Amino acid sequence: MPAVSTLASSLLAFVLFAASYAQEATGEWSKASPTDADSEMLYTALENVSAYSPDVTTYLCVYKVNGQETQAAADTGTTNYKFGVTGCNAGKEFVG
């Protein structure tokens, strides 16, 4: 039978692992009405072609932001966004 100290150490390691995982987890996605500031943030991000991954081959033109979902990160104070838009595909020369 394992010693009590071995069991206690294993339990402590599990609790620390679980606590670490919980800090990295993010919240649920929730629907929100896009504000003018949210739309501007999206437009600014789309214009910055130098921030795109080198693998990106499809670029967007956005006519209108129809909706959005947000997700708050558990411990970093950041927010993730998903936007629903009306737009079209554009060539790289038309972006930015």
PDB file of N, CA and C in Angstrom:
ATOM      1  N   MET A   1       0.848  -1.171   0.000  1.00  0.00           N
ATOM      2  CA  MET A   1       0.000   0.000   0.000  1.00  0.00           C
ATOM      3  C   MET A   1       0.900   1.243   0.000  1.00  0.00           C
ATOM      4  N   PRO A   2       0.587   2.255  -0.867  1.00  0.00           N
ATOM      5  CA  PRO A   2       1.431   3.449  -0.930  1.00  0.00           C
ATOM      6  C   PRO A   2       1.397   4.238   0.378  1.00  0.00           C
ATOM      7  N   ALA A   3       2.476   4.896   0.638  1.00  0.00           N
ATOM      8  CA  ALA A   3       2.560   5.715   1.847  1.00  0.00           C
ATOM      9  C   ALA A   3       1.609   6.900   1.729  1.00  0.00           C
ATOM     10  N   VAL A   4       1.157   7.399   2.865  1.00  0.00           N
ATOM     11  CA  VAL A   4       0.239   8.537   2.908  1.00  0.00           C
ATOM     12  C   VAL A   4       0.876   9.761   2.255  1.00  0.00           C
ATOM     13  N   SER A   5       2.172   9.958   2.463  1.00  0.00           N
ATOM     14  CA  SER A   5       2.838  11.124   1.871  1.00  0.00           C
ATOM     15  C   SER A   5       2.854  11.037   0.347  1.00  0.00           C
ATOM     16  N   THR A   6       2.985   9.827  -0.198  1.00  0.00           N
ATOM     17  CA  THR A   6       2.955   9.652  -1.651  1.00  0.00           C
ATOM     18  C   THR A   6       1.578   9.996  -2.201  1.00  0.00           C
ATOM     19  N   LEU A   7       0.537   9.521  -1.527  1.00  0.00           N
ATOM     20  CA  LEU A   7      -0.827   9.832  -1.947  1.00  0.00           C
ATOM     21  C   LEU A   7      -1.104  11.332  -1.844  1.00  0.00           C
ATOM     22  N   ALA A   8      -0.638  11.947  -0.775  1.00  0.00           N
ATOM     23  CA  ALA A   8      -0.851  13.381  -0.580  1.00  0.00           C
ATOM     24  C   ALA A   8      -0.137  14.179  -1.668  1.00  0.00           C
ATOM     25  N   SER A   9       1.087  13.769  -2.019  1.00  0.00           N
ATOM     26  CA  SER A   9       1.834  14.457  -3.075  1.00  0.00           C
ATOM     27  C   SER A   9       1.132  14.322  -4.420  1.00  0.00           C
ATOM     28  N   SER A  10       0.622  13.130  -4.696  1.00  0.00           N
ATOM     29  CA  SER A  10      -0.090  12.908  -5.954  1.00  0.00           C
ATOM     30  C   SER A  10      -1.354  13.750  -6.018  1.00  0.00           C
ATOM     31  N   LEU A  11      -2.082  13.815  -4.919  1.00  0.00           N
ATOM     32  CA  LEU A  11      -3.303  14.601  -4.865  1.00  0.00           C
ATOM     33  C   LEU A  11      -2.988  16.087  -5.045  1.00  0.00           C
ATOM     34  N   LEU A  12      -1.934  16.566  -4.397  1.00  0.00           N
ATOM     35  CA  LEU A  12      -1.543  17.966  -4.528  1.00  0.00           C
ATOM     36  C   LEU A  12      -1.163  18.290  -5.978  1.00  0.00           C
ATOM     37  N   ALA A  13      -0.422  17.396  -6.620  1.00  0.00           N
ATOM     38  CA  ALA A  13      -0.034  17.616  -8.013  1.00  0.00           C
ATOM     39  C   ALA A  13      -1.268  17.690  -8.908  1.00  0.00           C
ATOM     40  N   PHE A  14      -2.249  16.822  -8.668  1.00  0.00           N
ATOM     41  CA  PHE A  14      -3.480  16.840  -9.451  1.00  0.00           C
ATOM     42  C   PHE A  14      -4.240  18.149  -9.247  1.00  0.00           C
ATOM     43  N   VAL A  15      -4.347  18.607  -8.007  1.00  0.00           N
ATOM     44  CA  VAL A  15      -5.057  19.849  -7.706  1.00  0.00           C
ATOM     45  C   VAL A  15      -4.368  21.031  -8.383  1.00  0.00           C
ATOM     46  N   LEU A  16      -3.041  21.086  -8.338  1.00  0.00           N
ATOM     47  CA  LEU A  16      -2.307  22.172  -8.987  1.00  0.00           C
ATOM     48  C   LEU A  16      -2.510  22.145 -10.499  1.00  0.00           C
ATOM     49  N   PHE A  17      -2.512  20.943 -11.079  1.00  0.00           N
ATOM     50  CA  PHE A  17      -2.747  20.807 -12.512  1.00  0.00           C
ATOM     51  C   PHE A  17      -4.150  21.286 -12.867  1.00  0.00           C
ATOM     52  N   ALA A  18      -5.140  20.882 -12.092  1.00  0.00           N
ATOM     53  CA  ALA A  18      -6.527  21.283 -12.340  1.00  0.00           C
ATOM     54  C   ALA A  18      -6.684  22.794 -12.204  1.00  0.00           C
ATOM     55  N   ALA A  19      -6.041  23.386 -11.221  1.00  0.00           N
ATOM     56  CA  ALA A  19      -6.125  24.835 -11.021  1.00  0.00           C
ATOM     57  C   ALA A  19      -5.457  25.566 -12.184  1.00  0.00           C
ATOM     58  N   SER A  20      -4.331  25.054 -12.652  1.00  0.00           N
ATOM     59  CA  SER A  20      -3.631  25.658 -13.778  1.00  0.00           C
ATOM     60  C   SER A  20      -4.495  25.602 -15.031  1.00  0.00           C
ATOM     61  N   TYR A  21      -5.132  24.478 -15.274  1.00  0.00           N
ATOM     62  CA  TYR A  21      -5.998  24.327 -16.439  1.00  0.00           C
ATOM     63  C   TYR A  21      -7.178  25.286 -16.359  1.00  0.00           C
ATOM     64  N   ALA A  22      -7.765  25.421 -15.196  1.00  0.00           N
ATOM     65  CA  ALA A  22      -8.927  26.294 -15.026  1.00  0.00           C
ATOM     66  C   ALA A  22      -8.573  27.750 -15.306  1.00  0.00           C
ATOM     67  N   GLN A  23      -7.352  28.174 -14.979  1.00  0.00           N
ATOM     68  CA  GLN A  23      -6.946  29.556 -15.224  1.00  0.00           C
ATOM     69  C   GLN A  23      -6.817  29.843 -16.716  1.00  0.00           C
ATOM     70  N   GLU A  24      -6.460  28.823 -17.517  1.00  0.00           N
ATOM     71  CA  GLU A  24      -6.289  29.019 -18.944  1.00  0.00           C
ATOM     72  C   GLU A  24      -7.609  28.932 -19.699  1.00  0.00           C
ATOM     73  N   ALA A  25      -8.614  28.308 -19.105  1.00  0.00           N
ATOM     74  CA  ALA A  25      -9.887  28.116 -19.786  1.00  0.00           C
ATOM     75  C   ALA A  25     -10.560  29.460 -20.044  1.00  0.00           C
ATOM     76  N   THR A  26     -11.333  29.497 -21.111  1.00  0.00           N
ATOM     77  CA  THR A  26     -12.053  30.718 -21.445  1.00  0.00           C
ATOM     78  C   THR A  26     -13.541  30.517 -21.236  1.00  0.00           C
ATOM     79  N   GLY A  27     -14.262  31.610 -21.217  1.00  0.00           N
ATOM     80  CA  GLY A  27     -15.698  31.565 -20.994  1.00  0.00           C
ATOM     81  C   GLY A  27     -16.461  31.138 -22.237  1.00  0.00           C
ATOM     82  N   GLU A  28     -17.763  31.133 -22.115  1.00  0.00           N
ATOM     83  CA  GLU A  28     -18.654  30.779 -23.213  1.00  0.00           C
ATOM     84  C   GLU A  28     -18.732  31.926 -24.223  1.00  0.00           C
ATOM     85  N   TRP A  29     -19.026  31.585 -25.459  1.00  0.00           N
ATOM     86  CA  TRP A  29     -19.281  32.602 -26.470  1.00  0.00           C
ATOM     87  C   TRP A  29     -20.669  33.170 -26.235  1.00  0.00           C
ATOM     88  N   SER A  30     -20.801  34.480 -26.333  1.00  0.00           N
ATOM     89  CA  SER A  30     -22.115  35.106 -26.170  1.00  0.00           C
ATOM     90  C   SER A  30     -22.346  36.103 -27.302  1.00  0.00           C
ATOM     91  N   LYS A  31     -23.583  36.132 -27.790  1.00  0.00           N
ATOM     92  CA  LYS A  31     -23.935  37.048 -28.877  1.00  0.00           C
ATOM     93  C   LYS A  31     -24.025  38.464 -28.338  1.00  0.00           C
ATOM     94  N   ALA A  32     -23.602  39.404 -29.162  1.00  0.00           N
ATOM     95  CA  ALA A  32     -23.648  40.818 -28.778  1.00  0.00           C
ATOM     96  C   ALA A  32     -23.930  41.638 -30.025  1.00  0.00           C
ATOM     97  N   SER A  33     -24.519  42.777 -29.841  1.00  0.00           N
ATOM     98  CA  SER A  33     -24.715  43.705 -30.956  1.00  0.00           C
ATOM     99  C   SER A  33     -23.415  44.461 -31.180  1.00  0.00           C
ATOM    100  N   PRO A  34     -22.920  44.471 -32.415  1.00  0.00           N
ATOM    101  CA  PRO A  34     -21.659  45.174 -32.662  1.00  0.00           C
ATOM    102  C   PRO A  34     -21.820  46.686 -32.508  1.00  0.00           C
ATOM    103  N   THR A  35     -20.895  47.284 -31.811  1.00  0.00           N
ATOM    104  CA  THR A  35     -20.875  48.742 -31.668  1.00  0.00           C
ATOM    105  C   THR A  35     -20.028  49.327 -32.798  1.00  0.00           C
ATOM    106  N   ASP A  36     -20.057  50.624 -32.943  1.00  0.00           N
ATOM    107  CA  ASP A  36     -19.204  51.281 -33.939  1.00  0.00           C
ATOM    108  C   ASP A  36     -17.732  51.003 -33.648  1.00  0.00           C
ATOM    109  N   ALA A  37     -17.369  50.982 -32.373  1.00  0.00           N
ATOM    110  CA  ALA A  37     -15.973  50.715 -31.986  1.00  0.00           C
ATOM    111  C   ALA A  37     -15.569  49.289 -32.364  1.00  0.00           C
ATOM    112  N   ASP A  38     -16.473  48.322 -32.177  1.00  0.00           N
ATOM    113  CA  ASP A  38     -16.178  46.935 -32.557  1.00  0.00           C
ATOM    114  C   ASP A  38     -15.972  46.828 -34.066  1.00  0.00           C
ATOM    115  N   SER A  39     -16.842  47.475 -34.829  1.00  0.00           N
ATOM    116  CA  SER A  39     -16.723  47.450 -36.290  1.00  0.00           C
ATOM    117  C   SER A  39     -15.418  48.095 -36.737  1.00  0.00           C
ATOM    118  N   GLU A  40     -15.048  49.213 -36.139  1.00  0.00           N
ATOM    119  CA  GLU A  40     -13.782  49.882 -36.469  1.00  0.00           C
ATOM    120  C   GLU A  40     -12.589  48.983 -36.168  1.00  0.00           C
ATOM    121  N   MET A  41     -12.658  48.253 -35.048  1.00  0.00           N
ATOM    122  CA  MET A  41     -11.576  47.333 -34.693  1.00  0.00           C
ATOM    123  C   MET A  41     -11.418  46.269 -35.779  1.00  0.00           C
ATOM    124  N   LEU A  42     -12.539  45.720 -36.262  1.00  0.00           N
ATOM    125  CA  LEU A  42     -12.487  44.721 -37.330  1.00  0.00           C
ATOM    126  C   LEU A  42     -11.903  45.324 -38.602  1.00  0.00           C
ATOM    127  N   TYR A  43     -12.378  46.493 -39.001  1.00  0.00           N
ATOM    128  CA  TYR A  43     -11.879  47.136 -40.221  1.00  0.00           C
ATOM    129  C   TYR A  43     -10.376  47.401 -40.128  1.00  0.00           C
ATOM    130  N   THR A  44      -9.925  47.854 -38.979  1.00  0.00           N
ATOM    131  CA  THR A  44      -8.498  48.126 -38.775  1.00  0.00           C
ATOM    132  C   THR A  44      -7.681  46.843 -38.883  1.00  0.00           C
ATOM    133  N   ALA A  45      -8.189  45.766 -38.287  1.00  0.00           N
ATOM    134  CA  ALA A  45      -7.482  44.481 -38.352  1.00  0.00           C
ATOM    135  C   ALA A  45      -7.415  43.968 -39.792  1.00  0.00           C
ATOM    136  N   LEU A  46      -8.502  44.096 -40.538  1.00  0.00           N
ATOM    137  CA  LEU A  46      -8.516  43.627 -41.923  1.00  0.00           C
ATOM    138  C   LEU A  46      -7.585  44.438 -42.817  1.00  0.00           C
ATOM    139  N   GLU A  47      -7.398  45.708 -42.522  1.00  0.00           N
ATOM    140  CA  GLU A  47      -6.536  46.571 -43.331  1.00  0.00           C
ATOM    141  C   GLU A  47      -5.055  46.279 -43.137  1.00  0.00           C
ATOM    142  N   ASN A  48      -4.683  45.672 -42.019  1.00  0.00           N
ATOM    143  CA  ASN A  48      -3.280  45.456 -41.681  1.00  0.00           C
ATOM    144  C   ASN A  48      -2.784  44.144 -42.295  1.00  0.00           C
ATOM    145  N   VAL A  49      -2.508  44.155 -43.591  1.00  0.00           N
ATOM    146  CA  VAL A  49      -2.109  42.952 -44.314  1.00  0.00           C
ATOM    147  C   VAL A  49      -0.829  42.355 -43.746  1.00  0.00           C
ATOM    148  N   SER A  50       0.054  43.165 -43.205  1.00  0.00           N
ATOM    149  CA  SER A  50       1.313  42.647 -42.659  1.00  0.00           C
ATOM    150  C   SER A  50       1.089  41.753 -41.442  1.00  0.00           C
ATOM    151  N   ALA A  51      -0.085  41.834 -40.825  1.00  0.00           N
ATOM    152  CA  ALA A  51      -0.380  40.987 -39.667  1.00  0.00           C
ATOM    153  C   ALA A  51      -0.988  39.645 -40.073  1.00  0.00           C
ATOM    154  N   TYR A  52      -1.320  39.473 -41.343  1.00  0.00           N
ATOM    155  CA  TYR A  52      -1.912  38.223 -41.812  1.00  0.00           C
ATOM    156  C   TYR A  52      -0.866  37.114 -41.795  1.00  0.00           C
ATOM    157  N   SER A  53      -1.319  35.902 -41.610  1.00  0.00           N
ATOM    158  CA  SER A  53      -0.450  34.736 -41.714  1.00  0.00           C
ATOM    159  C   SER A  53       0.037  34.627 -43.160  1.00  0.00           C
ATOM    160  N   PRO A  54       1.271  34.164 -43.379  1.00  0.00           N
ATOM    161  CA  PRO A  54       1.766  34.007 -44.754  1.00  0.00           C
ATOM    162  C   PRO A  54       0.921  33.023 -45.573  1.00  0.00           C
ATOM    163  N   ASP A  55       0.186  32.142 -44.898  1.00  0.00           N
ATOM    164  CA  ASP A  55      -0.632  31.143 -45.587  1.00  0.00           C
ATOM    165  C   ASP A  55      -1.967  31.697 -46.088  1.00  0.00           C
ATOM    166  N   VAL A  56      -2.324  32.917 -45.699  1.00  0.00           N
ATOM    167  CA  VAL A  56      -3.609  33.490 -46.104  1.00  0.00           C
ATOM    168  C   VAL A  56      -3.572  33.798 -47.597  1.00  0.00           C
ATOM    169  N   THR A  57      -4.565  33.272 -48.320  1.00  0.00           N
ATOM    170  CA  THR A  57      -4.668  33.539 -49.756  1.00  0.00           C
ATOM    171  C   THR A  57      -6.007  34.176 -50.116  1.00  0.00           C
ATOM    172  N   THR A  58      -6.945  34.205 -49.192  1.00  0.00           N
ATOM    173  CA  THR A  58      -8.251  34.820 -49.415  1.00  0.00           C
ATOM    174  C   THR A  58      -8.378  36.033 -48.511  1.00  0.00           C
ATOM    175  N   TYR A  59      -8.658  37.158 -49.106  1.00  0.00           N
ATOM    176  CA  TYR A  59      -8.806  38.404 -48.361  1.00  0.00           C
ATOM    177  C   TYR A  59     -10.260  38.851 -48.445  1.00  0.00           C
ATOM    178  N   LEU A  60     -10.697  39.603 -47.460  1.00  0.00           N
ATOM    179  CA  LEU A  60     -12.091  40.019 -47.379  1.00  0.00           C
ATOM    180  C   LEU A  60     -12.255  41.510 -47.594  1.00  0.00           C
ATOM    181  N   CYS A  61     -13.347  41.858 -48.241  1.00  0.00           N
ATOM    182  CA  CYS A  61     -13.828  43.230 -48.167  1.00  0.00           C
ATOM    183  C   CYS A  61     -15.120  43.133 -47.363  1.00  0.00           C
ATOM    184  N   VAL A  62     -15.328  44.032 -46.460  1.00  0.00           N
ATOM    185  CA  VAL A  62     -16.502  43.982 -45.583  1.00  0.00           C
ATOM    186  C   VAL A  62     -17.372  45.193 -45.870  1.00  0.00           C
ATOM    187  N   TYR A  63     -18.619  44.915 -46.228  1.00  0.00           N
ATOM    188  CA  TYR A  63     -19.592  45.990 -46.449  1.00  0.00           C
ATOM    189  C   TYR A  63     -20.291  46.367 -45.158  1.00  0.00           C
ATOM    190  N   LYS A  64     -20.600  45.346 -44.361  1.00  0.00           N
ATOM    191  CA  LYS A  64     -21.409  45.585 -43.166  1.00  0.00           C
ATOM    192  C   LYS A  64     -21.132  44.507 -42.126  1.00  0.00           C
ATOM    193  N   VAL A  65     -21.054  44.910 -40.863  1.00  0.00           N
ATOM    194  CA  VAL A  65     -20.948  43.958 -39.750  1.00  0.00           C
ATOM    195  C   VAL A  65     -22.374  43.670 -39.286  1.00  0.00           C
ATOM    196  N   ASN A  66     -22.799  42.417 -39.429  1.00  0.00           N
ATOM    197  CA  ASN A  66     -24.174  42.029 -39.109  1.00  0.00           C
ATOM    198  C   ASN A  66     -24.353  41.587 -37.665  1.00  0.00           C
ATOM    199  N   GLY A  67     -23.319  41.034 -37.072  1.00  0.00           N
ATOM    200  CA  GLY A  67     -23.418  40.545 -35.702  1.00  0.00           C
ATOM    201  C   GLY A  67     -22.051  40.146 -35.196  1.00  0.00           C
ATOM    202  N   GLN A  68     -22.002  39.811 -33.931  1.00  0.00           N
ATOM    203  CA  GLN A  68     -20.736  39.357 -33.364  1.00  0.00           C
ATOM    204  C   GLN A  68     -20.998  38.491 -32.146  1.00  0.00           C
ATOM    205  N   GLU A  69     -19.996  37.688 -31.824  1.00  0.00           N
ATOM    206  CA  GLU A  69     -19.977  36.924 -30.587  1.00  0.00           C
ATOM    207  C   GLU A  69     -18.680  37.272 -29.880  1.00  0.00           C
ATOM    208  N   THR A  70     -18.726  37.320 -28.569  1.00  0.00           N
ATOM    209  CA  THR A  70     -17.526  37.613 -27.782  1.00  0.00           C
ATOM    210  C   THR A  70     -17.298  36.510 -26.767  1.00  0.00           C
ATOM    211  N   GLN A  71     -16.044  36.355 -26.379  1.00  0.00           N
ATOM    212  CA  GLN A  71     -15.642  35.363 -25.389  1.00  0.00           C
ATOM    213  C   GLN A  71     -14.569  36.002 -24.517  1.00  0.00           C
ATOM    214  N   ALA A  72     -14.846  36.104 -23.230  1.00  0.00           N
ATOM    215  CA  ALA A  72     -13.879  36.687 -22.293  1.00  0.00           C
ATOM    216  C   ALA A  72     -12.915  35.606 -21.823  1.00  0.00           C
ATOM    217  N   ALA A  73     -11.627  35.915 -21.849  1.00  0.00           N
ATOM    218  CA  ALA A  73     -10.624  34.992 -21.327  1.00  0.00           C
ATOM    219  C   ALA A  73     -10.691  35.009 -19.808  1.00  0.00           C
ATOM    220  N   ALA A  74     -10.471  33.848 -19.212  1.00  0.00           N
ATOM    221  CA  ALA A  74     -10.682  33.689 -17.772  1.00  0.00           C
ATOM    222  C   ALA A  74      -9.785  34.577 -16.921  1.00  0.00           C
ATOM    223  N   ASP A  75      -8.519  34.668 -17.243  1.00  0.00           N
ATOM    224  CA  ASP A  75      -7.621  35.383 -16.328  1.00  0.00           C
ATOM    225  C   ASP A  75      -6.732  36.430 -16.997  1.00  0.00           C
ATOM    226  N   THR A  76      -6.852  36.601 -18.308  1.00  0.00           N
ATOM    227  CA  THR A  76      -5.963  37.549 -18.978  1.00  0.00           C
ATOM    228  C   THR A  76      -6.610  38.898 -19.230  1.00  0.00           C
ATOM    229  N   GLY A  77      -7.921  38.978 -19.086  1.00  0.00           N
ATOM    230  CA  GLY A  77      -8.607  40.237 -19.322  1.00  0.00           C
ATOM    231  C   GLY A  77      -8.787  40.560 -20.793  1.00  0.00           C
ATOM    232  N   THR A  78      -8.518  39.594 -21.677  1.00  0.00           N
ATOM    233  CA  THR A  78      -8.690  39.823 -23.105  1.00  0.00           C
ATOM    234  C   THR A  78     -10.047  39.296 -23.566  1.00  0.00           C
ATOM    235  N   THR A  79     -10.444  39.707 -24.752  1.00  0.00           N
ATOM    236  CA  THR A  79     -11.706  39.262 -25.334  1.00  0.00           C
ATOM    237  C   THR A  79     -11.449  38.744 -26.739  1.00  0.00           C
ATOM    238  N   ASN A  80     -12.032  37.589 -27.062  1.00  0.00           N
ATOM    239  CA  ASN A  80     -11.991  37.035 -28.410  1.00  0.00           C
ATOM    240  C   ASN A  80     -13.273  37.445 -29.128  1.00  0.00           C
ATOM    241  N   TYR A  81     -13.189  37.630 -30.444  1.00  0.00           N
ATOM    242  CA  TYR A  81     -14.338  38.074 -31.227  1.00  0.00           C
ATOM    243  C   TYR A  81     -14.577  37.152 -32.416  1.00  0.00           C
ATOM    244  N   LYS A  82     -15.846  36.945 -32.756  1.00  0.00           N
ATOM    245  CA  LYS A  82     -16.273  36.334 -34.016  1.00  0.00           C
ATOM    246  C   LYS A  82     -17.257  37.320 -34.637  1.00  0.00           C
ATOM    247  N   PHE A  83     -17.012  37.701 -35.884  1.00  0.00           N
ATOM    248  CA  PHE A  83     -17.891  38.655 -36.556  1.00  0.00           C
ATOM    249  C   PHE A  83     -18.657  37.963 -37.675  1.00  0.00           C
ATOM    250  N   GLY A  84     -19.921  38.305 -37.824  1.00  0.00           N
ATOM    251  CA  GLY A  84     -20.722  37.917 -38.978  1.00  0.00           C
ATOM    252  C   GLY A  84     -20.819  39.128 -39.880  1.00  0.00           C
ATOM    253  N   VAL A  85     -20.411  38.978 -41.142  1.00  0.00           N
ATOM    254  CA  VAL A  85     -20.327  40.144 -42.020  1.00  0.00           C
ATOM    255  C   VAL A  85     -20.984  39.882 -43.369  1.00  0.00           C
ATOM    256  N   THR A  86     -21.319  40.963 -44.051  1.00  0.00           N
ATOM    257  CA  THR A  86     -21.666  40.934 -45.464  1.00  0.00           C
ATOM    258  C   THR A  86     -20.459  41.508 -46.184  1.00  0.00           C
ATOM    259  N   GLY A  87     -19.936  40.764 -47.158  1.00  0.00           N
ATOM    260  CA  GLY A  87     -18.738  41.223 -47.838  1.00  0.00           C
ATOM    261  C   GLY A  87     -18.449  40.412 -49.078  1.00  0.00           C
ATOM    262  N   CYS A  88     -17.208  40.425 -49.488  1.00  0.00           N
ATOM    263  CA  CYS A  88     -16.803  39.692 -50.684  1.00  0.00           C
ATOM    264  C   CYS A  88     -15.339  39.283 -50.549  1.00  0.00           C
ATOM    265  N   ASN A  89     -14.906  38.397 -51.449  1.00  0.00           N
ATOM    266  CA  ASN A  89     -13.490  38.062 -51.536  1.00  0.00           C
ATOM    267  C   ASN A  89     -12.791  39.179 -52.301  1.00  0.00           C
ATOM    268  N   ALA A  90     -11.585  39.498 -51.894  1.00  0.00           N
ATOM    269  CA  ALA A  90     -10.821  40.556 -52.557  1.00  0.00           C
ATOM    270  C   ALA A  90      -9.390  40.083 -52.764  1.00  0.00           C
ATOM    271  N   GLY A  91      -8.751  40.597 -53.762  1.00  0.00           N
ATOM    272  CA  GLY A  91      -7.340  40.321 -53.977  1.00  0.00           C
ATOM    273  C   GLY A  91      -6.499  41.114 -52.986  1.00  0.00           C
ATOM    274  N   LYS A  92      -5.287  40.637 -52.736  1.00  0.00           N
ATOM    275  CA  LYS A  92      -4.402  41.296 -51.770  1.00  0.00           C
ATOM    276  C   LYS A  92      -4.164  42.765 -52.133  1.00  0.00           C
ATOM    277  N   GLU A  93      -4.134  43.073 -53.419  1.00  0.00           N
ATOM    278  CA  GLU A  93      -3.872  44.451 -53.842  1.00  0.00           C
ATOM    279  C   GLU A  93      -4.994  45.418 -53.463  1.00  0.00           C
ATOM    280  N   PHE A  94      -6.164  44.876 -53.103  1.00  0.00           N
ATOM    281  CA  PHE A  94      -7.288  45.734 -52.725  1.00  0.00           C
ATOM    282  C   PHE A  94      -7.458  45.872 -51.217  1.00  0.00           C
ATOM    283  N   VAL A  95      -6.584  45.230 -50.450  1.00  0.00           N
ATOM    284  CA  VAL A  95      -6.687  45.262 -48.986  1.00  0.00           C
ATOM    285  C   VAL A  95      -5.660  46.237 -48.445  1.00  0.00           C
ATOM    286  N   GLY A  96      -6.061  47.003 -47.428  1.00  0.00           N
ATOM    287  CA  GLY A  96      -5.126  47.883 -46.747  1.00  0.00           C
ATOM    288  C   GLY A  96      -4.966  49.184 -47.341  1.00  0.00           C
TER     289      GLY A  96
END
